Amino acid sequence: MKLKKAFIPHETGDGSLLIPAGGAGFSGLVKGNKTLGAILELLKEETTEDAVISAMKNRFDAPADVIERDVKKALAELRKIGALDE
């Protein structure tokens, strides 16, 4: 899976944004924290859900089940708005 080119991730001072461009099929703005920003960064390249979870476990000091749940939730939301190529 990979983030579609029609969605542009942007880091802010304290979080992240996902901005749809023309042809995205979604009108709105996705605002998230730095965790979402890290996930979006990983999705710039072709990856898998398991690889994203593993990378997040290496990056953040949190219980593994919490990281897995949060990544799955974020990916589900990105799928819902059509932001992922799978």
PDB file of N, CA and C in Angstrom:
ATOM      1  N   MET A   1       0.838  -1.172   0.000  1.00  0.00           N
ATOM      2  CA  MET A   1       0.000   0.000   0.000  1.00  0.00           C
ATOM      3  C   MET A   1       0.886   1.240   0.000  1.00  0.00           C
ATOM      4  N   LYS A   2       0.290   2.328  -0.461  1.00  0.00           N
ATOM      5  CA  LYS A   2       1.027   3.579  -0.569  1.00  0.00           C
ATOM      6  C   LYS A   2       0.024   4.725  -0.571  1.00  0.00           C
ATOM      7  N   LEU A   3       0.428   5.880  -0.085  1.00  0.00           N
ATOM      8  CA  LEU A   3      -0.419   7.062  -0.110  1.00  0.00           C
ATOM      9  C   LEU A   3      -0.604   7.508  -1.561  1.00  0.00           C
ATOM     10  N   LYS A   4      -1.846   7.771  -1.947  1.00  0.00           N
ATOM     11  CA  LYS A   4      -2.115   8.234  -3.311  1.00  0.00           C
ATOM     12  C   LYS A   4      -1.480   9.598  -3.537  1.00  0.00           C
ATOM     13  N   LYS A   5      -1.042   9.829  -4.772  1.00  0.00           N
ATOM     14  CA  LYS A   5      -0.377  11.091  -5.114  1.00  0.00           C
ATOM     15  C   LYS A   5      -1.308  12.291  -4.977  1.00  0.00           C
ATOM     16  N   ALA A   6      -2.623  12.054  -5.003  1.00  0.00           N
ATOM     17  CA  ALA A   6      -3.586  13.146  -4.887  1.00  0.00           C
ATOM     18  C   ALA A   6      -3.717  13.657  -3.455  1.00  0.00           C
ATOM     19  N   PHE A   7      -3.011  13.036  -2.507  1.00  0.00           N
ATOM     20  CA  PHE A   7      -3.047  13.468  -1.111  1.00  0.00           C
ATOM     21  C   PHE A   7      -1.655  13.933  -0.704  1.00  0.00           C
ATOM     22  N   ILE A   8      -1.592  15.135  -0.163  1.00  0.00           N
ATOM     23  CA  ILE A   8      -0.310  15.754   0.172  1.00  0.00           C
ATOM     24  C   ILE A   8      -0.165  15.855   1.690  1.00  0.00           C
ATOM     25  N   PRO A   9       0.791  15.127   2.268  1.00  0.00           N
ATOM     26  CA  PRO A   9       1.028  15.255   3.710  1.00  0.00           C
ATOM     27  C   PRO A   9       1.838  16.516   4.007  1.00  0.00           C
ATOM     28  N   HIS A  10       1.529  17.139   5.119  1.00  0.00           N
ATOM     29  CA  HIS A  10       2.234  18.355   5.515  1.00  0.00           C
ATOM     30  C   HIS A  10       2.417  18.348   7.028  1.00  0.00           C
ATOM     31  N   GLU A  11       3.637  18.579   7.463  1.00  0.00           N
ATOM     32  CA  GLU A  11       3.939  18.657   8.895  1.00  0.00           C
ATOM     33  C   GLU A  11       3.698  20.076   9.387  1.00  0.00           C
ATOM     34  N   THR A  12       3.051  20.186  10.531  1.00  0.00           N
ATOM     35  CA  THR A  12       2.886  21.477  11.191  1.00  0.00           C
ATOM     36  C   THR A  12       3.760  21.459  12.435  1.00  0.00           C
ATOM     37  N   GLY A  13       3.773  22.515  13.167  1.00  0.00           N
ATOM     38  CA  GLY A  13       4.616  22.573  14.359  1.00  0.00           C
ATOM     39  C   GLY A  13       4.301  21.501  15.389  1.00  0.00           C
ATOM     40  N   ASP A  14       3.034  21.181  15.558  1.00  0.00           N
ATOM     41  CA  ASP A  14       2.653  20.233  16.599  1.00  0.00           C
ATOM     42  C   ASP A  14       1.829  19.056  16.090  1.00  0.00           C
ATOM     43  N   GLY A  15       1.780  18.879  14.798  1.00  0.00           N
ATOM     44  CA  GLY A  15       0.988  17.781  14.251  1.00  0.00           C
ATOM     45  C   GLY A  15       1.215  17.619  12.765  1.00  0.00           C
ATOM     46  N   SER A  16       0.189  17.120  12.107  1.00  0.00           N
ATOM     47  CA  SER A  16       0.302  16.903  10.677  1.00  0.00           C
ATOM     48  C   SER A  16      -1.046  17.118  10.005  1.00  0.00           C
ATOM     49  N   LEU A  17      -0.979  17.396   8.715  1.00  0.00           N
ATOM     50  CA  LEU A  17      -2.170  17.586   7.900  1.00  0.00           C
ATOM     51  C   LEU A  17      -2.066  16.689   6.680  1.00  0.00           C
ATOM     52  N   LEU A  18      -3.215  16.267   6.172  1.00  0.00           N
ATOM     53  CA  LEU A  18      -3.272  15.558   4.899  1.00  0.00           C
ATOM     54  C   LEU A  18      -4.240  16.341   4.031  1.00  0.00           C
ATOM     55  N   ILE A  19      -3.710  16.885   2.949  1.00  0.00           N
ATOM     56  CA  ILE A  19      -4.469  17.796   2.103  1.00  0.00           C
ATOM     57  C   ILE A  19      -4.776  17.109   0.778  1.00  0.00           C
ATOM     58  N   PRO A  20      -6.067  17.003   0.409  1.00  0.00           N
ATOM     59  CA  PRO A  20      -6.405  16.410  -0.880  1.00  0.00           C
ATOM     60  C   PRO A  20      -6.201  17.421  -2.003  1.00  0.00           C
ATOM     61  N   ALA A  21      -5.632  16.972  -3.091  1.00  0.00           N
ATOM     62  CA  ALA A  21      -5.457  17.808  -4.274  1.00  0.00           C
ATOM     63  C   ALA A  21      -6.562  17.452  -5.264  1.00  0.00           C
ATOM     64  N   GLY A  22      -6.548  18.093  -6.419  1.00  0.00           N
ATOM     65  CA  GLY A  22      -7.551  17.824  -7.434  1.00  0.00           C
ATOM     66  C   GLY A  22      -7.589  16.352  -7.797  1.00  0.00           C
ATOM     67  N   GLY A  23      -8.781  15.832  -7.942  1.00  0.00           N
ATOM     68  CA  GLY A  23      -8.943  14.432  -8.310  1.00  0.00           C
ATOM     69  C   GLY A  23      -8.832  13.462  -7.161  1.00  0.00           C
ATOM     70  N   ALA A  24      -8.750  13.955  -5.948  1.00  0.00           N
ATOM     71  CA  ALA A  24      -8.606  13.074  -4.793  1.00  0.00           C
ATOM     72  C   ALA A  24      -9.904  12.345  -4.466  1.00  0.00           C
ATOM     73  N   GLY A  25     -11.044  12.937  -4.864  1.00  0.00           N
ATOM     74  CA  GLY A  25     -12.314  12.311  -4.539  1.00  0.00           C
ATOM     75  C   GLY A  25     -12.728  12.535  -3.090  1.00  0.00           C
ATOM     76  N   PHE A  26     -12.032  13.386  -2.404  1.00  0.00           N
ATOM     77  CA  PHE A  26     -12.327  13.705  -1.003  1.00  0.00           C
ATOM     78  C   PHE A  26     -12.154  15.195  -0.838  1.00  0.00           C
ATOM     79  N   SER A  27     -13.143  15.839  -0.271  1.00  0.00           N
ATOM     80  CA  SER A  27     -12.993  17.265  -0.002  1.00  0.00           C
ATOM     81  C   SER A  27     -13.023  17.464   1.505  1.00  0.00           C
ATOM     82  N   GLY A  28     -11.972  17.980   1.995  1.00  0.00           N
ATOM     83  CA  GLY A  28     -11.832  18.185   3.425  1.00  0.00           C
ATOM     84  C   GLY A  28     -10.361  18.233   3.765  1.00  0.00           C
ATOM     85  N   LEU A  29     -10.095  18.244   5.031  1.00  0.00           N
ATOM     86  CA  LEU A  29      -8.727  18.312   5.527  1.00  0.00           C
ATOM     87  C   LEU A  29      -8.606  17.324   6.676  1.00  0.00           C
ATOM     88  N   VAL A  30      -7.574  16.517   6.648  1.00  0.00           N
ATOM     89  CA  VAL A  30      -7.341  15.563   7.725  1.00  0.00           C
ATOM     90  C   VAL A  30      -6.267  16.156   8.624  1.00  0.00           C
ATOM     91  N   LYS A  31      -6.621  16.339   9.889  1.00  0.00           N
ATOM     92  CA  LYS A  31      -5.684  16.900  10.855  1.00  0.00           C
ATOM     93  C   LYS A  31      -5.357  15.814  11.873  1.00  0.00           C
ATOM     94  N   GLY A  32      -4.071  15.629  12.130  1.00  0.00           N
ATOM     95  CA  GLY A  32      -3.662  14.597  13.071  1.00  0.00           C
ATOM     96  C   GLY A  32      -2.455  15.011  13.881  1.00  0.00           C
ATOM     97  N   ASN A  33      -2.044  14.103  14.737  1.00  0.00           N
ATOM     98  CA  ASN A  33      -0.881  14.365  15.594  1.00  0.00           C
ATOM     99  C   ASN A  33       0.404  13.894  14.906  1.00  0.00           C
ATOM    100  N   LYS A  34       1.496  13.930  15.644  1.00  0.00           N
ATOM    101  CA  LYS A  34       2.780  13.517  15.069  1.00  0.00           C
ATOM    102  C   LYS A  34       2.819  12.032  14.741  1.00  0.00           C
ATOM    103  N   THR A  35       2.011  11.251  15.438  1.00  0.00           N
ATOM    104  CA  THR A  35       1.926   9.824  15.127  1.00  0.00           C
ATOM    105  C   THR A  35       1.376   9.631  13.725  1.00  0.00           C
ATOM    106  N   LEU A  36       0.309  10.353  13.399  1.00  0.00           N
ATOM    107  CA  LEU A  36      -0.231  10.275  12.038  1.00  0.00           C
ATOM    108  C   LEU A  36       0.823  10.747  11.040  1.00  0.00           C
ATOM    109  N   GLY A  37       1.548  11.783  11.381  1.00  0.00           N
ATOM    110  CA  GLY A  37       2.607  12.275  10.497  1.00  0.00           C
ATOM    111  C   GLY A  37       3.648  11.208  10.209  1.00  0.00           C
ATOM    112  N   ALA A  38       4.011  10.434  11.236  1.00  0.00           N
ATOM    113  CA  ALA A  38       4.989   9.359  11.049  1.00  0.00           C
ATOM    114  C   ALA A  38       4.422   8.273  10.134  1.00  0.00           C
ATOM    115  N   ILE A  39       3.144   7.961  10.303  1.00  0.00           N
ATOM    116  CA  ILE A  39       2.502   6.958   9.441  1.00  0.00           C
ATOM    117  C   ILE A  39       2.461   7.453   8.004  1.00  0.00           C
ATOM    118  N   LEU A  40       2.089   8.710   7.807  1.00  0.00           N
ATOM    119  CA  LEU A  40       2.033   9.272   6.459  1.00  0.00           C
ATOM    120  C   LEU A  40       3.412   9.276   5.806  1.00  0.00           C
ATOM    121  N   GLU A  41       4.437   9.547   6.585  1.00  0.00           N
ATOM    122  CA  GLU A  41       5.812   9.523   6.061  1.00  0.00           C
ATOM    123  C   GLU A  41       6.165   8.133   5.547  1.00  0.00           C
ATOM    124  N   LEU A  42       5.792   7.110   6.299  1.00  0.00           N
ATOM    125  CA  LEU A  42       6.056   5.731   5.879  1.00  0.00           C
ATOM    126  C   LEU A  42       5.270   5.366   4.627  1.00  0.00           C
ATOM    127  N   LEU A  43       4.096   5.966   4.465  1.00  0.00           N
ATOM    128  CA  LEU A  43       3.232   5.652   3.320  1.00  0.00           C
ATOM    129  C   LEU A  43       3.641   6.375   2.041  1.00  0.00           C
ATOM    130  N   LYS A  44       4.681   7.174   2.099  1.00  0.00           N
ATOM    131  CA  LYS A  44       5.188   7.807   0.877  1.00  0.00           C
ATOM    132  C   LYS A  44       5.810   6.766  -0.045  1.00  0.00           C
ATOM    133  N   GLU A  45       6.262   5.665   0.531  1.00  0.00           N
ATOM    134  CA  GLU A  45       6.841   4.554  -0.229  1.00  0.00           C
ATOM    135  C   GLU A  45       5.930   3.337  -0.087  1.00  0.00           C
ATOM    136  N   GLU A  46       6.009   2.434  -1.021  1.00  0.00           N
ATOM    137  CA  GLU A  46       5.226   1.192  -0.946  1.00  0.00           C
ATOM    138  C   GLU A  46       5.595   0.437   0.331  1.00  0.00           C
ATOM    139  N   THR A  47       4.587   0.007   1.084  1.00  0.00           N
ATOM    140  CA  THR A  47       4.818  -0.669   2.347  1.00  0.00           C
ATOM    141  C   THR A  47       3.646  -1.586   2.665  1.00  0.00           C
ATOM    142  N   THR A  48       3.722  -2.233   3.799  1.00  0.00           N
ATOM    143  CA  THR A  48       2.629  -3.087   4.259  1.00  0.00           C
ATOM    144  C   THR A  48       2.178  -2.605   5.633  1.00  0.00           C
ATOM    145  N   GLU A  49       1.004  -3.053   6.035  1.00  0.00           N
ATOM    146  CA  GLU A  49       0.505  -2.703   7.361  1.00  0.00           C
ATOM    147  C   GLU A  49       1.452  -3.209   8.441  1.00  0.00           C
ATOM    148  N   ASP A  50       1.938  -4.434   8.283  1.00  0.00           N
ATOM    149  CA  ASP A  50       2.866  -4.991   9.267  1.00  0.00           C
ATOM    150  C   ASP A  50       4.164  -4.187   9.352  1.00  0.00           C
ATOM    151  N   ALA A  51       4.653  -3.714   8.210  1.00  0.00           N
ATOM    152  CA  ALA A  51       5.883  -2.916   8.203  1.00  0.00           C
ATOM    153  C   ALA A  51       5.670  -1.573   8.894  1.00  0.00           C
ATOM    154  N   VAL A  52       4.501  -0.976   8.699  1.00  0.00           N
ATOM    155  CA  VAL A  52       4.192   0.293   9.370  1.00  0.00           C
ATOM    156  C   VAL A  52       4.128   0.072  10.881  1.00  0.00           C
ATOM    157  N   ILE A  53       3.451  -0.982  11.307  1.00  0.00           N
ATOM    158  CA  ILE A  53       3.353  -1.286  12.739  1.00  0.00           C
ATOM    159  C   ILE A  53       4.740  -1.506  13.331  1.00  0.00           C
ATOM    160  N   SER A  54       5.573  -2.271  12.651  1.00  0.00           N
ATOM    161  CA  SER A  54       6.927  -2.542  13.131  1.00  0.00           C
ATOM    162  C   SER A  54       7.743  -1.257  13.251  1.00  0.00           C
ATOM    163  N   ALA A  55       7.663  -0.401  12.234  1.00  0.00           N
ATOM    164  CA  ALA A  55       8.409   0.861  12.263  1.00  0.00           C
ATOM    165  C   ALA A  55       7.935   1.753  13.404  1.00  0.00           C
ATOM    166  N   MET A  56       6.640   1.758  13.650  1.00  0.00           N
ATOM    167  CA  MET A  56       6.101   2.589  14.723  1.00  0.00           C
ATOM    168  C   MET A  56       6.514   2.046  16.096  1.00  0.00           C
ATOM    169  N   LYS A  57       6.586   0.724  16.231  1.00  0.00           N
ATOM    170  CA  LYS A  57       7.046   0.129  17.488  1.00  0.00           C
ATOM    171  C   LYS A  57       8.498   0.509  17.761  1.00  0.00           C
ATOM    172  N   ASN A  58       9.307   0.586  16.701  1.00  0.00           N
ATOM    173  CA  ASN A  58      10.715   0.964  16.855  1.00  0.00           C
ATOM    174  C   ASN A  58      10.875   2.442  17.182  1.00  0.00           C
ATOM    175  N   ARG A  59       9.938   3.248  16.720  1.00  0.00           N
ATOM    176  CA  ARG A  59      10.063   4.697  16.876  1.00  0.00           C
ATOM    177  C   ARG A  59       9.476   5.222  18.187  1.00  0.00           C
ATOM    178  N   PHE A  60       8.379   4.613  18.641  1.00  0.00           N
ATOM    179  CA  PHE A  60       7.672   5.133  19.805  1.00  0.00           C
ATOM    180  C   PHE A  60       7.744   4.172  20.972  1.00  0.00           C
ATOM    181  N   ASP A  61       7.844   4.734  22.161  1.00  0.00           N
ATOM    182  CA  ASP A  61       7.876   3.949  23.389  1.00  0.00           C
ATOM    183  C   ASP A  61       6.457   3.865  23.938  1.00  0.00           C
ATOM    184  N   ALA A  62       5.727   2.867  23.464  1.00  0.00           N
ATOM    185  CA  ALA A  62       4.343   2.651  23.892  1.00  0.00           C
ATOM    186  C   ALA A  62       4.086   1.148  23.828  1.00  0.00           C
ATOM    187  N   PRO A  63       3.069   0.682  24.532  1.00  0.00           N
ATOM    188  CA  PRO A  63       2.746  -0.750  24.474  1.00  0.00           C
ATOM    189  C   PRO A  63       2.446  -1.191  23.032  1.00  0.00           C
ATOM    190  N   ALA A  64       2.926  -2.361  22.678  1.00  0.00           N
ATOM    191  CA  ALA A  64       2.778  -2.872  21.312  1.00  0.00           C
ATOM    192  C   ALA A  64       1.324  -2.937  20.881  1.00  0.00           C
ATOM    193  N   ASP A  65       0.420  -3.343  21.782  1.00  0.00           N
ATOM    194  CA  ASP A  65      -0.986  -3.462  21.402  1.00  0.00           C
ATOM    195  C   ASP A  65      -1.617  -2.095  21.131  1.00  0.00           C
ATOM    196  N   VAL A  66      -1.152  -1.071  21.829  1.00  0.00           N
ATOM    197  CA  VAL A  66      -1.661   0.283  21.600  1.00  0.00           C
ATOM    198  C   VAL A  66      -1.187   0.792  20.244  1.00  0.00           C
ATOM    199  N   ILE A  67       0.078   0.569  19.932  1.00  0.00           N
ATOM    200  CA  ILE A  67       0.611   0.993  18.631  1.00  0.00           C
ATOM    201  C   ILE A  67      -0.122   0.274  17.509  1.00  0.00           C
ATOM    202  N   GLU A  68      -0.299  -1.017  17.635  1.00  0.00           N
ATOM    203  CA  GLU A  68      -0.984  -1.783  16.594  1.00  0.00           C
ATOM    204  C   GLU A  68      -2.411  -1.274  16.401  1.00  0.00           C
ATOM    205  N   ARG A  69      -3.120  -1.041  17.497  1.00  0.00           N
ATOM    206  CA  ARG A  69      -4.496  -0.546  17.416  1.00  0.00           C
ATOM    207  C   ARG A  69      -4.533   0.825  16.740  1.00  0.00           C
ATOM    208  N   ASP A  70      -3.630   1.722  17.113  1.00  0.00           N
ATOM    209  CA  ASP A  70      -3.618   3.070  16.555  1.00  0.00           C
ATOM    210  C   ASP A  70      -3.279   3.076  15.072  1.00  0.00           C
ATOM    211  N   VAL A  71      -2.320   2.247  14.665  1.00  0.00           N
ATOM    212  CA  VAL A  71      -1.960   2.164  13.250  1.00  0.00           C
ATOM    213  C   VAL A  71      -3.133   1.617  12.445  1.00  0.00           C
ATOM    214  N   LYS A  72      -3.758   0.565  12.926  1.00  0.00           N
ATOM    215  CA  LYS A  72      -4.899  -0.019  12.213  1.00  0.00           C
ATOM    216  C   LYS A  72      -6.043   0.987  12.084  1.00  0.00           C
ATOM    217  N   LYS A  73      -6.274   1.762  13.134  1.00  0.00           N
ATOM    218  CA  LYS A  73      -7.326   2.778  13.095  1.00  0.00           C
ATOM    219  C   LYS A  73      -6.995   3.865  12.072  1.00  0.00           C
ATOM    220  N   ALA A  74      -5.746   4.337  12.077  1.00  0.00           N
ATOM    221  CA  ALA A  74      -5.334   5.376  11.130  1.00  0.00           C
ATOM    222  C   ALA A  74      -5.445   4.879   9.695  1.00  0.00           C
ATOM    223  N   LEU A  75      -4.994   3.653   9.440  1.00  0.00           N
ATOM    224  CA  LEU A  75      -5.069   3.104   8.086  1.00  0.00           C
ATOM    225  C   LEU A  75      -6.518   2.917   7.654  1.00  0.00           C
ATOM    226  N   ALA A  76      -7.376   2.511   8.573  1.00  0.00           N
ATOM    227  CA  ALA A  76      -8.801   2.356   8.254  1.00  0.00           C
ATOM    228  C   ALA A  76      -9.409   3.699   7.849  1.00  0.00           C
ATOM    229  N   GLU A  77      -9.042   4.754   8.553  1.00  0.00           N
ATOM    230  CA  GLU A  77      -9.553   6.090   8.216  1.00  0.00           C
ATOM    231  C   GLU A  77      -9.018   6.555   6.859  1.00  0.00           C
ATOM    232  N   LEU A  78      -7.749   6.273   6.590  1.00  0.00           N
ATOM    233  CA  LEU A  78      -7.181   6.654   5.292  1.00  0.00           C
ATOM    234  C   LEU A  78      -7.854   5.875   4.158  1.00  0.00           C
ATOM    235  N   ARG A  79      -8.156   4.610   4.412  1.00  0.00           N
ATOM    236  CA  ARG A  79      -8.885   3.812   3.412  1.00  0.00           C
ATOM    237  C   ARG A  79     -10.273   4.401   3.178  1.00  0.00           C
ATOM    238  N   LYS A  80     -10.914   4.801   4.247  1.00  0.00           N
ATOM    239  CA  LYS A  80     -12.281   5.317   4.192  1.00  0.00           C
ATOM    240  C   LYS A  80     -12.391   6.548   3.285  1.00  0.00           C
ATOM    241  N   ILE A  81     -11.358   7.388   3.293  1.00  0.00           N
ATOM    242  CA  ILE A  81     -11.392   8.589   2.454  1.00  0.00           C
ATOM    243  C   ILE A  81     -10.730   8.371   1.094  1.00  0.00           C
ATOM    244  N   GLY A  82     -10.281   7.150   0.841  1.00  0.00           N
ATOM    245  CA  GLY A  82      -9.689   6.822  -0.452  1.00  0.00           C
ATOM    246  C   GLY A  82      -8.279   7.332  -0.635  1.00  0.00           C
ATOM    247  N   ALA A  83      -7.513   7.440   0.449  1.00  0.00           N
ATOM    248  CA  ALA A  83      -6.163   8.009   0.371  1.00  0.00           C
ATOM    249  C   ALA A  83      -5.083   6.979   0.087  1.00  0.00           C
ATOM    250  N   LEU A  84      -5.437   5.694   0.067  1.00  0.00           N
ATOM    251  CA  LEU A  84      -4.422   4.648  -0.112  1.00  0.00           C
ATOM    252  C   LEU A  84      -4.585   3.923  -1.440  1.00  0.00           C
ATOM    253  N   ASP A  85      -3.453   3.666  -2.084  1.00  0.00           N
ATOM    254  CA  ASP A  85      -3.379   2.761  -3.231  1.00  0.00           C
ATOM    255  C   ASP A  85      -3.013   1.392  -2.670  1.00  0.00           C
ATOM    256  N   GLU A  86      -3.875   0.408  -2.916  1.00  0.00           N
ATOM    257  CA  GLU A  86      -3.586  -0.932  -2.388  1.00  0.00           C
ATOM    258  C   GLU A  86      -3.664  -1.958  -3.499  1.00  0.00           C
TER     259      GLU A  86
END
